[in-house]
Protein backbone atom coordinates (compact mmCIF):
# COMPACT_ATOMS: atom_id res chain seq x y z
CA MET A 1 24.72 6.62 18.78
CA SER A 2 27.08 5.15 16.22
CA ALA A 3 25.98 4.55 12.72
CA SER A 4 26.67 0.72 13.15
CA VAL A 5 23.94 0.68 15.98
CA SER A 6 21.55 3.00 14.54
CA HIS A 7 21.04 1.44 10.97
CA TRP A 8 17.84 -0.52 10.78
CA SER A 9 19.73 -3.56 9.66
CA ARG A 10 21.75 -3.69 12.83
CA GLN A 11 18.72 -3.84 15.05
CA LYS A 12 17.54 -7.18 16.42
CA GLU A 13 14.14 -8.47 15.56
CA VAL A 14 11.54 -7.65 18.19
CA THR A 15 11.33 -11.25 19.44
CA GLY A 16 14.22 -13.68 19.77
CA SER A 17 12.12 -16.77 18.64
CA ASP A 18 8.95 -17.32 16.59
CA LEU A 19 6.84 -18.52 19.48
CA PRO A 20 5.21 -15.03 20.28
CA ILE A 21 4.22 -14.90 16.48
CA ARG A 22 2.78 -18.38 16.53
CA ILE A 23 0.81 -17.61 19.58
CA LEU A 24 -0.49 -14.45 17.93
CA ILE A 25 -1.38 -16.58 14.71
CA PHE A 26 -3.34 -18.91 16.99
CA LEU A 27 -5.21 -16.02 18.50
CA VAL A 28 -5.87 -14.46 15.30
CA LYS A 29 -7.49 -17.79 14.04
CA VAL A 30 -9.71 -18.29 16.92
CA LEU A 31 -10.79 -14.84 18.12
CA PRO A 32 -12.91 -12.29 16.16
CA PHE A 33 -11.02 -9.20 15.14
CA PRO A 34 -12.70 -6.67 17.58
CA VAL A 35 -11.50 -8.78 20.52
CA LEU A 36 -8.01 -8.86 19.19
CA SER A 37 -8.19 -5.05 18.64
CA CYS A 38 -8.90 -4.76 22.43
CA MET A 39 -5.70 -6.69 23.26
CA VAL A 40 -3.57 -4.31 21.04
CA PRO A 41 -3.12 -1.40 23.37
CA PHE A 42 -1.96 -3.54 26.18
CA VAL A 43 0.64 -5.37 24.06
CA SER A 44 1.74 -2.16 22.67
CA LEU A 45 2.27 -0.67 26.20
CA PHE A 46 4.77 -3.63 27.00
CA TYR A 47 6.49 -2.92 23.79
CA TYR A 48 6.62 0.78 24.24
CA ILE A 49 8.07 0.49 27.73
CA SER A 50 10.62 -2.27 26.86
CA SER A 51 11.97 -0.60 23.71
CA PRO A 52 13.79 2.70 24.25
CA GLN A 53 15.00 2.80 20.63
CA VAL A 54 11.56 2.65 19.39
CA ARG A 55 10.34 5.41 21.71
CA LYS A 56 13.33 7.65 20.69
CA SER A 57 12.83 7.08 17.03
CA ALA A 58 9.10 7.64 16.98
CA ALA A 59 9.51 10.80 19.11
CA ASP A 60 12.08 12.17 16.85
CA TYR A 61 10.04 11.52 13.66
CA GLN A 62 7.06 13.06 15.16
CA ARG A 63 8.94 16.27 16.37
CA ARG A 64 10.27 16.48 12.62
CA LEU A 65 6.67 16.05 11.34
CA ALA A 66 5.11 18.51 13.69
CA SER A 67 7.74 21.22 12.85
CA PHE A 68 7.56 20.69 9.11
CA SER A 69 3.71 20.91 9.14
CA GLY A 70 3.67 23.77 11.66
CA GLY A 71 1.61 21.75 14.05
CA LYS A 72 -1.10 20.92 11.49
CA ALA A 73 -0.16 16.94 10.98
CA LEU A 74 -0.08 16.44 14.78
CA ARG A 75 -2.00 18.19 17.42
CA ARG A 76 0.05 16.47 19.98
CA PRO A 77 2.96 14.14 19.35
CA ASN A 78 2.22 10.79 20.85
CA ALA A 79 4.91 7.95 20.35
CA TYR A 80 2.69 5.34 21.97
CA ALA A 81 -0.12 5.86 19.55
CA GLN A 82 2.41 5.04 16.84
CA VAL A 83 3.50 2.02 18.50
CA THR A 84 -0.11 0.91 18.89
CA SER A 85 -0.71 1.56 15.33
CA PHE A 86 2.28 -0.66 14.42
CA SER A 87 0.87 -3.43 16.64
CA LEU A 88 -2.53 -3.37 15.07
CA CYS A 89 -0.94 -3.37 11.58
CA LEU A 90 0.89 -6.70 12.73
CA VAL A 91 -2.38 -8.34 13.73
CA GLU A 92 -3.97 -7.16 10.44
CA LYS A 93 -1.06 -8.66 8.54
CA LEU A 94 -1.50 -12.00 10.26
CA ALA A 95 -5.35 -11.84 9.64
CA ALA A 96 -4.77 -11.04 6.05
CA TRP A 97 -2.24 -13.94 5.52
CA SER A 98 -4.83 -16.35 7.32
CA GLY A 99 -7.25 -15.65 4.42
CA LYS A 100 -9.46 -13.09 6.28
CA ALA A 101 -8.58 -10.21 3.95
CA SER A 102 -11.01 -9.04 1.19
CA LEU A 103 -11.06 -6.36 -1.48
CA ASP A 104 -14.17 -5.17 0.52
CA ASP A 105 -11.60 -3.97 3.16
CA VAL A 106 -9.86 -1.82 0.52
CA ILE A 107 -10.85 1.69 -0.56
CA PHE A 108 -9.66 2.55 -3.98
CA HIS A 109 -9.48 6.08 -5.29
CA ASP A 110 -9.71 7.86 -8.55
CA ASP A 111 -5.92 7.74 -9.26
CA ASP A 112 -3.79 5.44 -11.37
CA VAL A 113 -5.10 2.17 -9.99
CA GLN A 114 -7.37 1.70 -13.07
CA ASP A 115 -4.30 2.16 -15.18
CA LEU A 116 -2.48 -0.55 -13.19
CA LYS A 117 -5.40 -2.91 -13.35
CA LYS A 118 -5.84 -2.43 -17.13
CA ARG A 119 -2.07 -3.16 -17.50
CA LEU A 120 -2.29 -6.38 -15.55
CA SER A 121 -5.63 -7.53 -17.17
CA GLU A 122 -3.75 -7.18 -20.49
CA GLY A 123 -1.01 -9.52 -19.11
CA LYS A 124 1.70 -6.94 -18.74
CA GLY A 125 3.93 -6.47 -15.80
CA ALA A 126 4.81 -3.64 -13.60
CA MET A 127 7.19 -2.65 -10.82
CA LEU A 128 5.54 -1.46 -7.52
CA ILE A 129 7.54 0.69 -4.98
CA SER A 130 6.03 0.56 -1.63
CA SER A 131 7.17 1.77 1.87
CA HIS A 132 7.08 1.09 5.58
CA LEU A 133 4.27 3.56 5.92
CA GLY A 134 1.03 1.69 6.45
CA ASN A 135 0.41 -1.98 5.59
CA MET A 136 2.78 -2.62 2.74
CA GLU A 137 1.94 -6.27 2.57
CA LEU A 138 -1.80 -6.02 1.99
CA LEU A 139 -1.65 -5.82 -1.77
CA ARG A 140 0.81 -8.73 -1.87
CA CYS A 141 -1.36 -10.83 0.46
CA LEU A 142 -4.39 -10.25 -1.62
CA ALA A 143 -2.57 -11.27 -4.97
CA SER A 144 -1.45 -14.46 -3.22
CA TYR A 145 -5.10 -15.54 -2.65
CA GLY A 146 -6.07 -14.04 -6.29
CA LYS A 147 -8.00 -11.21 -4.80
CA THR A 148 -6.73 -8.35 -7.05
CA GLY A 149 -9.89 -7.31 -8.99
CA VAL A 150 -8.24 -8.86 -12.01
CA ASP A 151 -9.54 -11.87 -13.94
CA ARG A 152 -6.36 -13.91 -13.64
CA GLN A 153 -3.86 -14.93 -11.04
CA VAL A 154 -1.08 -12.29 -10.89
CA PRO A 155 2.49 -13.50 -9.93
CA VAL A 156 4.16 -11.29 -7.42
CA THR A 157 7.99 -11.35 -6.70
CA VAL A 158 8.98 -9.28 -3.55
CA ILE A 159 12.41 -8.08 -2.76
CA MET A 160 12.96 -7.84 0.93
CA ASP A 161 15.33 -8.37 3.75
CA VAL A 162 14.36 -11.69 5.10
CA GLN A 163 16.97 -11.80 7.93
CA MET A 164 15.53 -9.02 9.96
CA SER A 165 12.11 -10.66 9.97
CA ARG A 166 12.99 -14.26 9.67
CA HIS A 167 10.69 -15.30 12.85
CA PHE A 168 7.72 -13.57 11.14
CA THR A 169 8.55 -14.97 7.77
CA SER A 170 8.77 -18.54 9.15
CA ALA A 171 5.45 -18.32 10.94
CA ILE A 172 3.70 -16.82 7.90
CA ASN A 173 4.81 -19.78 5.74
CA ASP A 174 2.40 -21.86 7.93
CA LEU A 175 -0.47 -19.46 7.02
CA ASN A 176 0.24 -19.41 3.31
CA SER A 177 2.67 -21.85 1.62
CA ARG A 178 2.87 -19.51 -1.49
CA TYR A 179 4.63 -16.90 0.82
CA ARG A 180 7.97 -18.80 0.49
CA MET A 181 8.05 -18.89 -3.13
CA ASP A 182 7.73 -15.20 -4.05
CA ILE A 183 10.57 -13.56 -2.03
CA ILE A 184 13.91 -12.80 -3.29
CA PRO A 185 16.38 -11.69 -0.52
CA ALA A 186 17.72 -8.28 -1.12
CA SER A 187 21.22 -9.27 -0.40
CA GLN A 188 21.04 -11.82 -3.15
CA ILE A 189 20.04 -9.50 -6.07
CA GLY A 190 22.39 -10.30 -9.10
CA VAL A 191 22.24 -11.46 -12.56
CA ASP A 192 20.26 -14.77 -11.78
CA SER A 193 17.75 -12.91 -9.63
CA LEU A 194 17.31 -10.32 -12.26
CA GLU A 195 16.33 -13.03 -14.68
CA ARG A 196 13.70 -14.25 -12.37
CA LEU A 197 12.31 -10.87 -11.94
CA GLN A 198 12.18 -10.29 -15.76
CA GLU A 199 10.32 -13.84 -15.80
CA THR A 200 7.76 -12.40 -13.28
CA LEU A 201 7.29 -9.35 -15.54
CA ALA A 202 6.99 -11.24 -18.62
CA ALA A 203 4.24 -13.46 -17.17
CA GLY A 204 2.31 -10.18 -16.49
CA GLY A 205 3.14 -10.06 -12.73
CA LEU A 206 4.57 -7.56 -10.27
CA VAL A 207 7.76 -6.86 -8.79
CA VAL A 208 7.63 -5.14 -5.38
CA ILE A 209 10.33 -3.38 -3.40
CA ALA A 210 10.30 -0.92 -0.62
CA GLY A 211 11.85 2.48 -1.28
CA ASP A 212 12.48 3.80 2.18
CA ARG A 213 15.31 1.71 3.63
CA THR A 214 18.85 1.80 2.64
CA SER A 215 20.80 -1.36 1.68
CA ALA A 216 21.64 -3.75 4.65
CA SER A 217 24.77 -4.80 2.85
CA ASP A 218 25.92 -1.11 1.86
CA PRO A 219 23.99 1.32 3.97
CA GLY A 220 26.06 4.23 2.74
CA ARG A 221 24.83 3.85 -1.02
CA SER A 222 22.09 6.31 -0.91
CA PHE A 223 20.54 9.51 -2.34
CA ARG A 224 20.37 12.70 -0.34
CA VAL A 225 16.70 13.87 -0.59
CA SER A 226 14.75 16.33 1.37
CA PHE A 227 12.19 14.62 3.64
CA LEU A 228 10.24 16.40 6.29
CA GLY A 229 12.55 19.49 6.26
CA SER A 230 15.93 17.65 6.43
CA ASP A 231 17.91 15.54 4.06
CA ALA A 232 17.40 11.90 4.54
CA PRO A 233 19.03 8.84 2.78
CA PHE A 234 16.91 6.91 0.37
CA PRO A 235 18.31 3.60 -1.22
CA CYS A 236 19.92 3.74 -4.53
CA GLY A 237 19.05 0.16 -5.14
CA SER A 238 15.37 0.29 -5.25
CA PHE A 239 15.30 2.97 -7.79
CA MET A 240 18.22 1.58 -9.92
CA LEU A 241 16.32 -1.69 -10.15
CA ALA A 242 13.52 0.22 -11.86
CA SER A 243 16.01 1.47 -14.44
CA LEU A 244 17.16 -2.06 -15.13
CA LEU A 245 13.67 -3.63 -15.33
CA ASN A 246 12.52 -0.76 -17.53
CA VAL A 247 8.79 -1.26 -16.99
CA PRO A 248 6.19 1.18 -15.53
CA VAL A 249 6.66 2.08 -12.01
CA TYR A 250 3.80 2.54 -9.68
CA PHE A 251 3.98 4.05 -6.09
CA VAL A 252 1.69 2.29 -3.75
CA PHE A 253 0.57 3.26 -0.35
CA SER A 254 -1.99 1.19 1.70
CA LEU A 255 -2.95 3.33 4.83
CA ARG A 256 -5.44 2.48 7.55
CA GLU A 257 -8.76 4.44 7.32
CA LYS A 258 -9.05 6.82 10.24
CA GLY A 259 -11.57 5.81 12.96
CA THR A 260 -11.66 2.14 11.77
CA PHE A 261 -9.80 0.50 14.88
CA PHE A 262 -12.29 -2.52 15.45
CA ARG A 263 -12.85 -3.42 11.70
CA PRO A 264 -9.89 -1.73 9.70
CA ARG A 265 -10.25 -0.57 6.24
CA TYR A 266 -7.43 0.57 3.87
CA ASN A 267 -7.13 3.43 1.67
CA MET A 268 -5.03 2.05 -1.32
CA PHE A 269 -3.38 4.97 -3.25
CA VAL A 270 -1.73 4.31 -6.44
CA THR A 271 0.50 6.82 -8.51
CA ARG A 272 2.12 6.03 -11.79
CA SER A 273 5.57 7.58 -12.38
CA GLY A 274 6.04 9.27 -15.70
CA ILE A 275 9.72 8.62 -15.55
CA THR A 276 10.91 6.12 -18.21
CA PHE A 277 14.41 4.84 -18.87
CA GLY A 278 14.60 4.30 -22.65
CA CYS A 279 17.44 6.87 -22.61
CA SER A 280 21.32 7.37 -22.59
CA ARG A 281 23.28 6.03 -19.60
CA LYS A 282 23.96 9.60 -18.48
CA GLU A 283 20.43 10.67 -18.65
CA ARG A 284 19.20 7.38 -16.99
CA LYS A 285 21.24 8.25 -13.79
CA ALA A 286 19.51 11.64 -13.46
CA ARG A 287 16.10 9.93 -14.09
CA VAL A 288 16.85 7.40 -11.32
CA GLU A 289 17.47 10.13 -8.88
CA SER A 290 14.34 12.03 -9.94
CA LEU A 291 12.30 8.80 -9.36
CA CYS A 292 13.58 8.66 -5.85
CA ARG A 293 12.76 12.33 -5.35
CA GLN A 294 9.26 11.77 -6.62
CA PHE A 295 8.77 8.80 -4.24
CA ALA A 296 10.08 10.77 -1.30
CA GLY A 297 7.66 13.69 -2.08
CA LEU A 298 4.60 11.27 -2.17
CA LEU A 299 5.84 9.53 1.02
CA GLU A 300 6.24 12.89 2.83
CA GLY A 301 2.62 14.02 1.93
CA ARG A 302 1.19 10.64 3.08
CA CYS A 303 3.03 11.02 6.40
CA LEU A 304 1.33 14.28 6.90
CA GLU A 305 -2.04 12.73 6.16
CA TYR A 306 -1.41 9.54 8.31
CA PRO A 307 1.18 10.47 10.93
CA TYR A 308 0.93 7.44 13.19
CA GLN A 309 1.31 4.92 10.43
CA TRP A 310 5.12 5.31 10.11
CA TYR A 311 6.81 2.09 10.90
CA ASN A 312 10.52 2.91 10.49
CA PHE A 313 11.58 2.69 14.14
CA PHE A 314 15.32 3.81 13.66
CA ASP A 315 17.17 7.01 13.04
CA PHE A 316 15.82 7.52 9.42
CA TRP A 317 17.89 10.70 8.84
CA LEU A 318 21.11 9.04 9.71
CA PHE A 319 23.74 9.16 6.90
CA GLN A 320 26.45 6.77 6.40
CA ASP A 321 29.72 7.43 4.39
CA LYS A 322 28.44 7.53 0.75
CA ASP A 323 26.30 9.45 -1.40
CA CYS A 324 24.78 7.67 -4.44
CA SER A 325 24.62 11.05 -6.56
CA ALA A 326 28.53 10.88 -6.71
CA GLY A 327 28.53 7.35 -7.86
CA ALA A 328 25.96 8.02 -10.44
CA ALA A 329 28.11 11.03 -11.73
CA ASP A 330 30.79 8.55 -12.28
CA GLY A 331 28.67 6.14 -14.26
CA GLN A 332 28.70 3.29 -11.54
CA ASP A 333 25.79 0.86 -11.84
CA GLY A 334 24.60 -1.56 -9.40
CA ILE A 335 21.38 -1.96 -7.28
CA ASP A 336 23.03 -2.81 -3.95
């Protein structure tokens, strides 16, 4: 399969209109979660059967995971289980955006979450790097409703590709009007948007970006990083942005607790990176790549713990025609 087809940004959204999402929103509003959970396996089966690319990508990821872990992470690879987990996550997102999410559904751990809360309580901003492992929107949703455990409203600005999820985004706007206000399309990052991000940080807010998908506009601009036993492309832009904003960076993973299908609870893991960027231009480039490798290592570890919650349904290990390391050595800047 050619690179132009396999890259995530070339794939079509699951639905061609927002009608299925709006129907699902209606069901989320009127039905209790256990009933919705019972519907998930049947919807997942249809999606599994009708999406050969999803089956292929899930199977490839699980083979790599099983091989890398020596069979410990997965007793028996099961692509359908991964699709079912994804479908359940979609229902959970809609339920959360409809106002049903609570901090009681989140399990915090003895990690850097207290450091992050302290910083936010003091009115200081931070950058969060998330992933497509687990429910990456949960913290942002809670923040939109002021459910953060911090005694003030925390502004959140998210950088994401809106074109690929435009129907989902449009539907979510009906659930929470604040959703539209805090998103910057990844394709529009420039001087003006950087100023907007700085304003969010100055207001003691959070800037959130995913670290596990390469740029839609320049897929080849990536770092080569070992992931589950093979080199994989990770986006230069997410980690270069961290160097430009020059604030503490936290890696955040929100992962469904095992055995909680009918009333999901999420483990929230927060790790602060010790990498800072008050350094020379040459050293900064090396630190950007180190930040990327640090993230990839944490992501790898969480995949081993929660193998079915990986929602990157494309050829993740596919390289394009560039390597960010070369650009970094030449002193080129940019986040796209």
